[in-house]
Amino acid sequence: METTEATPVTLHHRLAPEDQARAEFYALFGRLYARGPDAGMLQALG
């Protein structure tokens, strides 16, 4: 039996700035919907 080693794969997905901003907004909105903001999140929001 041969032993194989896993090699990490890096994928580069390029998004338009508008799509990146939309994705980040949806991630923030989803987190706020799932659970309230914690102290770290409130501090990051300023």
Foldseek 3Di string as FASTA:
>chain_A
DDDDDDDDDDDDDDDDPVVVVVVVVVVVVVVCVVDNDDPVVVVVVD
